C-alpha atoms as a PDB file:
ATOM      1  CA  UNK A   1      80.240  66.046-115.324  1.00  0.00           C
ATOM      2  CA  UNK A   2      82.584  68.152-117.419  1.00  0.00           C
ATOM      3  CA  UNK A   3      83.110  66.983-121.004  1.00  0.00           C
ATOM      4  CA  UNK A   4      86.455  65.849-122.336  1.00  0.00           C
ATOM      5  CA  UNK A   5      86.027  66.888-126.000  1.00  0.00           C
ATOM      6  CA  UNK A   6      87.954  69.680-127.717  1.00  0.00           C
ATOM      7  CA  UNK A   7      86.772  72.037-124.961  1.00  0.00           C
ATOM      8  CA  UNK A   8      87.420  70.181-121.693  1.00  0.00           C
ATOM      9  CA  UNK A   9      85.629  72.765-119.530  1.00  0.00           C
ATOM     10  CA  UNK A  10      82.473  72.623-121.639  1.00  0.00           C
ATOM     11  CA  UNK A  11      79.575  70.846-119.907  1.00  0.00           C
ATOM     12  CA  UNK A  12      78.505  69.410-123.286  1.00  0.00           C
ATOM     13  CA  UNK A  13      78.271  65.659-123.739  1.00  0.00           C
ATOM     14  CA  UNK A  14      81.419  63.928-124.978  1.00  0.00           C
ATOM     15  CA  UNK A  15      79.821  62.964-128.305  1.00  0.00           C
ATOM     16  CA  UNK A  16      78.794  66.558-129.190  1.00  0.00           C
ATOM     17  CA  UNK A  17      80.073  67.453-132.665  1.00  0.00           C
ATOM     18  CA  UNK A  18      81.413  71.006-132.479  1.00  0.00           C
ATOM     19  CA  UNK A  19      82.364  71.078-136.169  1.00  0.00           C
ATOM     20  CA  UNK A  20      78.861  70.462-137.525  1.00  0.00           C
ATOM     21  CA  UNK A  21      76.911  72.705-135.141  1.00  0.00           C
ATOM     22  CA  UNK A  22      76.366  76.144-136.766  1.00  0.00           C
ATOM     23  CA  UNK A  23      76.626  77.887-133.403  1.00  0.00           C
ATOM     24  CA  UNK A  24      80.291  76.920-133.098  1.00  0.00           C
ATOM     25  CA  UNK A  25      81.371  77.736-136.654  1.00  0.00           C
ATOM     26  CA  UNK A  26      82.788  81.150-135.729  1.00  0.00           C
ATOM     27  CA  UNK A  27      86.473  81.735-135.007  1.00  0.00           C
ATOM     28  CA  UNK A  28      85.808  82.006-131.268  1.00  0.00           C
ATOM     29  CA  UNK A  29      83.336  79.328-130.211  1.00  0.00           C
ATOM     30  CA  UNK A  30      82.983  80.599-126.645  1.00  0.00           C
ATOM     31  CA  UNK A  31      82.095  84.089-127.841  1.00  0.00           C
ATOM     32  CA  UNK A  32      79.646  82.788-130.437  1.00  0.00           C
ATOM     33  CA  UNK A  33      77.992  80.544-127.850  1.00  0.00           C
ATOM     34  CA  UNK A  34      77.552  83.480-125.474  1.00  0.00           C
ATOM     35  CA  UNK A  35      76.187  85.736-128.217  1.00  0.00           C
ATOM     36  CA  UNK A  36      73.585  83.217-129.317  1.00  0.00           C
ATOM     37  CA  UNK A  37      72.476  82.367-125.807  1.00  0.00           C
ATOM     38  CA  UNK A  38      72.415  85.999-124.668  1.00  0.00           C
ATOM     39  CA  UNK A  39      69.656  86.774-127.154  1.00  0.00           C
ATOM     40  CA  UNK A  40      67.590  83.821-125.986  1.00  0.00           C
ATOM     41  CA  UNK A  41      67.518  84.918-122.340  1.00  0.00           C
ATOM     42  CA  UNK A  42      66.866  82.740-119.330  1.00  0.00           C
ATOM     43  CA  UNK A  43      63.776  80.574-119.211  1.00  0.00           C
ATOM     44  CA  UNK A  44      60.815  82.266-117.600  1.00  0.00           C
ATOM     45  CA  UNK A  45      60.467  81.245-113.977  1.00  0.00           C
ATOM     46  CA  UNK A  46      58.476  82.628-111.130  1.00  0.00           C
ATOM     47  CA  UNK A  47      61.427  84.820-110.108  1.00  0.00           C
ATOM     48  CA  UNK A  48      62.144  86.229-113.589  1.00  0.00           C
ATOM     49  CA  UNK A  49      58.587  87.054-114.618  1.00  0.00           C
ATOM     50  CA  UNK A  50      57.690  90.695-114.111  1.00  0.00           C
ATOM     51  CA  UNK A  51      54.341  92.253-113.486  1.00  0.00           C
ATOM     52  CA  UNK A  52      53.117  94.942-115.847  1.00  0.00           C
ATOM     53  CA  UNK A  53      53.672  98.489-114.640  1.00  0.00           C
ATOM     54  CA  UNK A  54      50.578  99.987-113.084  1.00  0.00           C
ATOM     55  CA  UNK A  55      50.009 103.542-114.280  1.00  0.00           C
ATOM     56  CA  UNK A  56      48.579 104.685-110.969  1.00  0.00           C
ATOM     57  CA  UNK A  57      51.817 103.669-109.214  1.00  0.00           C
ATOM     58  CA  UNK A  58      53.879 105.790-111.596  1.00  0.00           C
ATOM     59  CA  UNK A  59      51.589 108.802-111.163  1.00  0.00           C
ATOM     60  CA  UNK A  60      51.476 108.303-107.393  1.00  0.00           C
ATOM     61  CA  UNK A  61      55.260 108.178-107.128  1.00  0.00           C
ATOM     62  CA  UNK A  62      55.622 111.286-109.303  1.00  0.00           C
ATOM     63  CA  UNK A  63      53.260 113.160-106.987  1.00  0.00           C
ATOM     64  CA  UNK A  64      55.092 111.902-103.874  1.00  0.00           C
ATOM     65  CA  UNK A  65      58.468 112.906-105.344  1.00  0.00           C
ATOM     66  CA  UNK A  66      57.135 116.336-106.304  1.00  0.00           C
ATOM     67  CA  UNK A  67      55.764 116.869-102.792  1.00  0.00           C
ATOM     68  CA  UNK A  68      59.093 115.718-101.346  1.00  0.00           C
ATOM     69  CA  UNK A  69      60.997 118.110-103.587  1.00  0.00           C
ATOM     70  CA  UNK A  70      58.805 121.072-102.613  1.00  0.00           C
ATOM     71  CA  UNK A  71      58.947 120.167 -98.909  1.00  0.00           C
ATOM     72  CA  UNK A  72      62.729 119.848 -98.963  1.00  0.00           C
ATOM     73  CA  UNK A  73      63.128 123.162-100.795  1.00  0.00           C
ATOM     74  CA  UNK A  74      60.731 125.025 -98.501  1.00  0.00           C
ATOM     75  CA  UNK A  75      62.634 123.809 -95.419  1.00  0.00           C
ATOM     76  CA  UNK A  76      59.486 124.073 -93.280  1.00  0.00           C
ATOM     77  CA  UNK A  77      59.689 120.395 -92.378  1.00  0.00           C
ATOM     78  CA  UNK A  78      62.896 118.615 -91.467  1.00  0.00           C
ATOM     79  CA  UNK A  79      64.457 116.412 -94.121  1.00  0.00           C
ATOM     80  CA  UNK A  80      64.235 113.354 -91.881  1.00  0.00           C
ATOM     81  CA  UNK A  81      60.486 113.841 -91.505  1.00  0.00           C
ATOM     82  CA  UNK A  82      60.026 114.352 -95.243  1.00  0.00           C
ATOM     83  CA  UNK A  83      61.840 111.113 -96.041  1.00  0.00           C
ATOM     84  CA  UNK A  84      59.932 109.104 -93.429  1.00  0.00           C
ATOM     85  CA  UNK A  85      56.592 110.540 -94.578  1.00  0.00           C
ATOM     86  CA  UNK A  86      57.403 109.638 -98.191  1.00  0.00           C
ATOM     87  CA  UNK A  87      58.365 106.109 -97.145  1.00  0.00           C
ATOM     88  CA  UNK A  88      55.151 105.812 -95.145  1.00  0.00           C
ATOM     89  CA  UNK A  89      53.103 106.981 -98.142  1.00  0.00           C
ATOM     90  CA  UNK A  90      54.779 104.357-100.336  1.00  0.00           C
ATOM     91  CA  UNK A  91      54.130 101.632 -97.785  1.00  0.00           C
ATOM     92  CA  UNK A  92      50.500 102.750 -97.302  1.00  0.00           C
ATOM     93  CA  UNK A  93      49.893 102.580-101.059  1.00  0.00           C
ATOM     94  CA  UNK A  94      51.395  99.099-101.261  1.00  0.00           C
ATOM     95  CA  UNK A  95      54.136 100.112-103.671  1.00  0.00           C
ATOM     96  CA  UNK A  96      56.761  99.171-101.099  1.00  0.00           C
ATOM     97  CA  UNK A  97      56.057  96.375 -98.635  1.00  0.00           C
ATOM     98  CA  UNK A  98      56.634  97.000 -94.959  1.00  0.00           C
ATOM     99  CA  UNK A  99      59.514  94.496 -94.974  1.00  0.00           C
ATOM    100  CA  UNK A 100      61.189  96.312 -97.893  1.00  0.00           C
ATOM    101  CA  UNK A 101      60.648  99.701 -96.285  1.00  0.00           C
ATOM    102  CA  UNK A 102      62.119  98.683 -92.945  1.00  0.00           C
ATOM    103  CA  UNK A 103      64.944  96.635 -94.492  1.00  0.00           C
ATOM    104  CA  UNK A 104      66.690  99.811 -95.632  1.00  0.00           C
ATOM    105  CA  UNK A 105      67.379 100.788 -92.043  1.00  0.00           C
ATOM    106  CA  UNK A 106      69.519  97.678 -91.581  1.00  0.00           C
ATOM    107  CA  UNK A 107      72.055  99.097 -94.054  1.00  0.00           C
ATOM    108  CA  UNK A 108      74.884 101.003 -92.394  1.00  0.00           C
ATOM    109  CA  UNK A 109      75.136 103.468 -95.309  1.00  0.00           C
ATOM    110  CA  UNK A 110      71.479 104.429 -95.048  1.00  0.00           C
ATOM    111  CA  UNK A 111      71.807 104.989 -91.328  1.00  0.00           C
ATOM    112  CA  UNK A 112      74.886 107.170 -91.865  1.00  0.00           C
ATOM    113  CA  UNK A 113      73.045 109.401 -94.322  1.00  0.00           C
ATOM    114  CA  UNK A 114      70.003 109.469 -92.023  1.00  0.00           C
ATOM    115  CA  UNK A 115      72.153 110.711 -89.141  1.00  0.00           C
ATOM    116  CA  UNK A 116      73.501 113.490 -91.378  1.00  0.00           C
ATOM    117  CA  UNK A 117      69.962 114.694 -92.103  1.00  0.00           C
ATOM    118  CA  UNK A 118      68.835 114.691 -88.453  1.00  0.00           C
END
């Protein structure tokens, strides 16, 4: 329920004392509240926790991108094949899941660019 204190849209309880809380002692209480809470960050949940970066994935992707760059510049293999081979290499290494790799083809923009390369 929305509070009815000095800030009616604030979800704080009605008995919250804005004048004694140091967070709200600035000239703009909304701004101060956002600044203080922005440094705290959201609580860690399963969705917000990140895995540490694996070095082999970074090196692998650098090699794949370098091979892609050379293959695209040499023009011996079509650009559509180069892109699909790179995607397949990423899926085979487990860097990109099969669902993530195939999901890109559902986007109309990706398909438009793909048609331009064919």
